[in-house]
Protein backbone atom coordinates (compact mmCIF):
# COMPACT_ATOMS: atom_id res chain seq x y z
CA MET A 1 -0.08 0.22 -0.32
CA TYR A 2 2.59 2.12 0.19
CA ALA A 3 3.75 2.88 -3.39
CA PHE A 4 -0.28 3.82 -3.69
CA GLU A 5 -0.17 6.24 -0.90
CA GLN A 6 3.18 7.77 -2.32
CA GLN A 7 1.39 8.24 -5.55
CA TRP A 8 -1.16 9.57 -4.36
CA ARG A 9 1.12 12.19 -2.56
CA SER A 10 3.10 12.54 -5.84
CA ILE A 11 -0.20 13.06 -8.34
CA LEU A 12 -1.69 15.62 -5.89
CA LEU A 13 2.16 18.04 -5.94
CA THR A 14 1.58 18.18 -9.65
CA TYR A 15 -1.50 20.35 -8.70
CA GLY A 16 0.24 22.28 -6.26
CA TYR A 17 -1.23 20.78 -3.62
CA GLU A 18 0.97 19.27 -0.77
CA MET A 19 -1.07 17.06 2.26
CA ARG A 20 0.13 18.36 5.45
CA TYR A 21 0.00 16.18 8.75
CA GLY A 22 0.38 17.15 12.14
CA ALA A 23 2.94 15.24 14.38
CA VAL A 24 3.67 11.58 13.85
CA GLU A 25 5.14 9.13 16.25
CA ALA A 26 8.74 8.88 14.75
CA ASP A 27 8.92 12.56 15.18
CA VAL A 28 7.32 12.96 18.53
CA LEU A 29 8.74 9.35 20.36
CA PRO A 30 12.71 10.38 20.08
CA ILE A 31 11.87 14.07 21.68
CA LEU A 32 10.18 12.20 24.24
CA GLN A 33 13.21 9.81 25.02
CA GLN A 34 15.58 13.25 25.10
CA GLN A 35 13.22 14.62 27.54
CA GLY A 36 13.53 11.61 29.72
CA ALA A 37 10.32 9.92 29.42
CA GLN A 38 10.60 6.60 29.67
CA LEU A 39 8.39 4.42 26.77
CA ASP A 40 6.48 1.53 26.45
CA THR A 41 4.56 0.20 23.47
CA VAL A 42 1.76 -2.15 23.64
CA VAL A 43 -0.06 -3.72 20.79
CA VAL A 44 -3.70 -3.86 22.14
CA ALA A 45 -5.33 -5.31 19.03
CA THR A 46 -3.64 -6.79 15.57
CA TRP A 47 -6.14 -7.90 12.57
CA GLN A 48 -6.13 -8.60 8.98
CA VAL A 49 -7.25 -6.23 6.11
CA ALA A 50 -8.41 -7.32 3.42
CA GLN A 51 -8.17 -5.37 0.10
CA THR A 52 -7.73 -5.56 -3.61
CA VAL A 53 -6.43 -2.01 -5.46
CA ALA A 54 -9.88 -1.87 -6.90
CA THR A 55 -11.17 -1.73 -3.24
CA LEU A 56 -8.49 0.72 -2.08
CA LEU A 57 -8.82 2.90 -5.14
CA GLU A 58 -13.10 3.13 -4.10
CA SER A 59 -12.35 3.81 -0.94
CA TYR A 60 -9.94 6.67 -2.15
CA ARG A 61 -13.03 7.87 -4.38
CA GLN A 62 -15.36 7.98 -1.88
CA ARG A 63 -12.80 10.05 0.46
CA ILE A 64 -12.99 7.24 3.37
CA TYR A 65 -9.28 7.84 3.74
CA SER A 66 -7.95 11.11 5.20
CA PRO A 67 -5.41 11.58 2.63
CA CYS A 68 -8.83 12.63 0.56
CA TRP A 69 -10.63 14.89 3.22
CA GLN A 70 -8.90 17.85 2.87
CA VAL A 71 -8.21 17.84 -1.02
CA PRO A 72 -10.10 20.87 -3.09
CA GLU A 73 -13.09 18.79 -5.55
CA GLU A 74 -11.53 20.70 -8.54
CA MET A 75 -7.87 18.83 -7.90
CA PHE A 76 -9.16 15.86 -6.53
CA VAL A 77 -11.65 14.86 -9.56
CA PRO A 78 -8.81 14.71 -12.12
CA ALA A 79 -5.94 13.12 -9.40
CA ILE A 80 -8.41 10.23 -8.48
CA GLU A 81 -8.47 9.64 -12.50
CA GLN A 82 -4.56 9.79 -12.53
CA LEU A 83 -4.59 7.50 -9.43
CA ALA A 84 -6.73 5.18 -11.40
CA GLU A 85 -4.40 5.38 -14.65
CA TRP A 86 -1.32 4.53 -12.48
CA CYS A 87 -2.79 1.42 -10.50
CA ALA A 88 -3.70 -0.06 -13.99
CA VAL A 89 -0.16 0.26 -14.91
CA HIS A 90 1.61 -0.76 -11.54
CA TYR A 91 -0.04 -3.05 -10.34
CA GLY A 92 -1.25 -5.05 -13.94
CA SER A 93 -4.89 -5.37 -12.42
CA LEU A 94 -7.24 -3.80 -10.14
CA GLN A 95 -7.80 -7.13 -8.13
CA GLN A 96 -4.40 -7.41 -7.37
CA ASP A 97 -4.32 -8.59 -3.14
CA LEU A 98 -3.17 -5.46 -1.25
CA SER A 99 -3.94 -6.92 2.07
CA PHE A 100 -1.75 -6.57 5.69
CA GLU A 101 -2.08 -6.63 8.83
CA ASN A 102 -2.96 -3.60 11.00
CA GLN A 103 -2.87 -3.15 14.59
CA PHE A 104 -3.79 -0.49 17.69
CA LYS A 105 -1.16 0.11 19.60
CA LEU A 106 -0.27 2.44 22.71
CA VAL A 107 2.44 4.12 23.94
CA ILE A 108 2.63 4.90 27.25
CA VAL A 109 4.57 7.37 28.67
CA ARG A 110 6.43 7.50 32.05
CA ASN A 111 8.99 10.08 33.85
CA TRP A 112 8.21 12.98 31.10
CA ALA A 113 10.10 15.44 32.31
CA SER A 114 7.69 18.97 31.64
């Protein structure tokens, strides 16, 4: 799924739209550790996500995922069509399996210096 998301971002950049996210775990946790925090990560749930290229593409068309929420409609429509064309070439078939294991985890932060 990584290539799919990267291509979506790349297509949006051609329209002058850069996706912005808030802080991400990879950026925040090292800073907390530098400030003396003790971190414990606990995986509380793991599950399989069954999807094909076609189902993922349709989820993007329906704006189910956050990378689609803020994209203006005038950019979204042609961008999603470009993504569909890229998928057909890159994956060869829209029925290609993109299933993966997902998980929900908690990071417990202790002794964080304020």
